[in-house]
Protein backbone atom coordinates (compact mmCIF):
# COMPACT_ATOMS: atom_id res chain seq x y z
CA MET A 1 -8.75 127.97 134.05
CA VAL A 2 -11.00 131.23 134.78
CA ARG A 3 -10.98 132.67 131.07
CA ARG A 4 -13.98 130.88 129.82
CA PRO A 5 -16.40 131.35 132.77
CA VAL A 6 -15.36 134.98 132.96
CA ALA A 7 -16.33 135.35 128.84
CA TRP A 8 -19.62 133.57 129.83
CA VAL A 9 -20.32 135.71 132.49
CA VAL A 10 -19.46 138.91 130.66
CA ALA A 11 -21.60 137.80 127.74
CA LEU A 12 -24.58 137.05 129.82
CA VAL A 13 -24.23 140.52 131.95
CA LEU A 14 -23.70 142.36 128.62
CA PHE A 15 -26.90 140.66 126.99
CA ALA A 16 -28.92 141.25 130.12
CA GLU A 17 -27.47 144.89 130.17
CA ALA A 18 -28.65 145.50 126.53
CA LEU A 19 -32.01 144.45 127.06
CA GLY A 20 -32.41 146.59 130.26
CA VAL A 21 -31.06 149.54 128.71
CA ALA A 22 -33.46 149.17 125.63
CA ALA A 23 -36.46 148.40 127.98
CA LEU A 24 -35.72 151.21 130.19
CA ASN A 25 -35.34 153.65 127.49
CA TRP A 26 -38.35 152.61 125.75
CA PHE A 27 -40.39 152.98 128.76
CA LEU A 28 -38.92 156.50 129.28
CA GLY A 29 -39.94 157.16 125.76
CA VAL A 30 -43.49 156.10 126.46
CA VAL A 31 -43.86 158.08 129.46
CA VAL A 32 -42.47 161.42 127.75
CA ASP A 33 -44.82 160.67 124.92
CA ARG A 34 -48.04 160.44 127.38
CA GLN A 35 -47.03 163.43 129.45
CA ASP A 36 -47.77 165.86 126.38
CA MET A 37 -45.49 168.69 128.14
CA SER A 38 -42.52 170.22 126.37
CA LEU A 39 -39.34 171.04 127.89
CA ALA A 40 -37.82 174.27 126.98
CA GLY A 41 -40.06 174.45 123.80
CA LEU A 42 -38.79 170.92 122.64
CA ASP A 43 -41.76 168.77 121.01
CA PRO A 44 -42.75 165.87 123.28
CA HIS A 45 -43.03 163.44 120.40
CA VAL A 46 -39.27 164.25 119.38
CA MET A 47 -37.98 163.82 122.78
CA SER A 48 -40.06 160.32 122.77
CA MET A 49 -38.85 159.25 119.87
CA SER A 50 -35.04 160.13 120.67
CA SER A 51 -35.36 158.24 123.90
CA LYS A 52 -36.58 155.08 122.05
CA ILE A 53 -34.18 155.41 119.19
CA GLY A 54 -31.23 155.91 121.87
CA GLY A 55 -32.22 152.72 123.68
CA VAL A 56 -32.36 150.64 120.74
CA VAL A 57 -28.87 151.95 119.62
CA PHE A 58 -27.18 151.38 122.94
CA GLY A 59 -29.02 147.92 123.53
CA LEU A 60 -27.66 146.81 119.99
CA TYR A 61 -24.29 148.06 121.16
CA PHE A 62 -24.39 146.23 124.26
CA ALA A 63 -25.82 143.09 122.57
CA LEU A 64 -22.81 143.52 119.68
CA CYS A 65 -20.44 143.51 122.78
CA GLY A 66 -22.03 140.60 124.33
CA LEU A 67 -21.62 138.59 121.12
CA VAL A 68 -18.19 139.20 121.07
CA ALA A 69 -17.89 138.02 124.69
CA LEU A 70 -19.93 135.06 123.79
CA LEU A 71 -17.69 134.18 120.83
CA VAL A 72 -14.74 134.56 122.94
CA ALA A 73 -16.25 132.00 125.49
CA VAL A 74 -17.25 129.58 122.70
CA ARG A 75 -13.82 129.83 120.76
CA ASP A 76 -11.49 129.96 124.05
CA ARG A 77 -9.40 132.65 121.90
CA ALA A 78 -8.63 136.16 122.63
CA PRO A 79 -10.47 138.89 121.00
CA ALA A 80 -8.97 140.26 117.83
CA GLY A 81 -9.56 143.63 115.75
CA PHE A 82 -12.85 145.24 115.80
CA GLY A 83 -13.88 142.81 118.69
CA ARG A 84 -11.15 143.81 121.07
CA VAL A 85 -11.93 147.58 120.25
CA LEU A 86 -15.61 146.96 121.11
CA LEU A 87 -14.62 145.20 124.61
CA ILE A 88 -12.34 148.02 125.39
CA SER A 89 -15.03 150.61 124.55
CA VAL A 90 -17.60 148.88 126.40
CA ALA A 91 -15.05 148.93 129.42
CA VAL A 92 -14.71 152.72 128.78
CA VAL A 93 -18.34 153.19 128.64
CA HIS A 94 -18.85 151.42 131.98
CA GLY A 95 -16.05 153.43 133.53
CA LEU A 96 -17.85 156.86 132.30
CA LEU A 97 -21.15 155.45 133.60
CA GLY A 98 -19.95 154.49 137.03
CA ALA A 99 -18.64 158.05 137.49
CA LEU A 100 -21.90 159.32 136.32
CA VAL A 101 -24.25 157.11 138.35
CA TRP A 102 -22.08 157.89 141.63
CA GLY A 103 -23.92 161.25 141.74
CA LEU A 104 -27.34 160.68 139.95
CA VAL A 105 -28.16 156.96 141.50
CA GLY A 106 -25.89 156.19 144.26
CA PRO A 107 -23.18 153.85 145.31
CA THR A 108 -25.13 150.70 144.55
CA ALA A 109 -25.22 151.48 140.86
CA PHE A 110 -21.86 152.70 141.03
CA LEU A 111 -20.70 149.10 142.39
CA ALA A 112 -22.71 147.64 139.54
CA MET A 113 -20.88 149.45 136.73
CA VAL A 114 -17.59 148.76 138.21
CA VAL A 115 -18.19 144.98 138.50
CA VAL A 116 -18.87 144.98 134.89
CA LEU A 117 -15.87 147.08 134.14
CA GLY A 118 -13.88 144.72 136.00
CA LEU A 119 -15.18 141.63 134.44
CA VAL A 120 -14.64 143.23 131.12
CA VAL A 121 -10.96 144.01 131.92
CA LEU A 122 -10.37 140.75 133.25
CA LEU A 123 -11.37 139.24 130.26
CA LEU A 124 -9.19 141.23 128.34
CA MET A 125 -6.29 140.83 130.39
CA THR A 126 -6.54 136.97 130.83
CA TYR A 127 -6.62 136.49 127.30
CA ASP A 128 -3.61 138.94 126.91
CA HIS A 129 -1.35 136.67 128.90
CA GLN A 130 -2.26 133.77 127.34
CA GLN A 131 1.26 131.94 126.59
CA GLU A 132 0.87 130.08 122.85
CA GLU A 133 3.75 127.64 122.16
CA PRO A 134 5.94 129.20 119.23
CA ALA A 135 5.57 127.23 115.87
CA GLY A 136 9.36 126.86 115.49
CA PRO A 137 11.23 126.55 112.21
CA ALA A 138 9.56 124.42 109.42
CA GLY A 139 11.26 121.18 109.28
CA ALA A 140 12.18 120.94 113.18
CA GLY A 141 10.04 118.03 113.76
CA GLY A 142 10.42 114.46 112.89
CA GLY A 143 7.59 114.03 110.74
CA ALA A 144 7.41 114.39 106.84
CA ASP A 145 5.68 117.81 107.41
CA GLY A 146 7.81 119.12 110.25
CA THR A 147 5.60 117.87 113.19
CA GLY A 148 6.08 115.22 115.69
CA PRO A 149 9.15 115.22 118.08
CA PRO A 150 12.31 116.67 116.81
CA VAL A 151 14.95 113.85 115.68
CA THR A 152 17.95 113.57 117.84
CA PRO A 153 21.40 112.74 116.44
CA PRO A 154 22.66 109.09 117.62
CA ALA A 155 25.00 109.37 120.55
CA ALA A 156 28.64 109.21 119.61
CA PRO A 157 30.14 105.64 120.44
CA THR A 158 32.14 105.60 123.71
CA ALA A 159 35.54 103.75 123.81
CA PRO A 160 35.62 100.27 125.61
């Protein structure tokens, strides 16, 4: 099956992205802090701290989404509740980032965002279509607790 490998890949990609986003924003914060220039009257220290805090927050967000994907890969079960909402939100974020980076960075960055978006959507969709066997009514099986093969009535005797 393709479900578990996709979940592993999504987890690895989101962890790498978390580290990359946090490191990039931290670096940009250091650069702004060392410039000692203001932008439209803003304090450089405030801009620097904003960049660092934003990088840490988005890094933690991507790491949390990566943790959800990792749990999906380990458990081989569909994400539920808050985890599913996180994966859907990270897919939306990558769609918006893809649209943004097309104009600012170029088609290569757009392609990277679309690939991650596709992986997250594939993760969500493969577990959506997972067919689980219905439990059936209690006592339908042959065992004392309702498990095991169902008991079939004996065949009717035939006339000789």
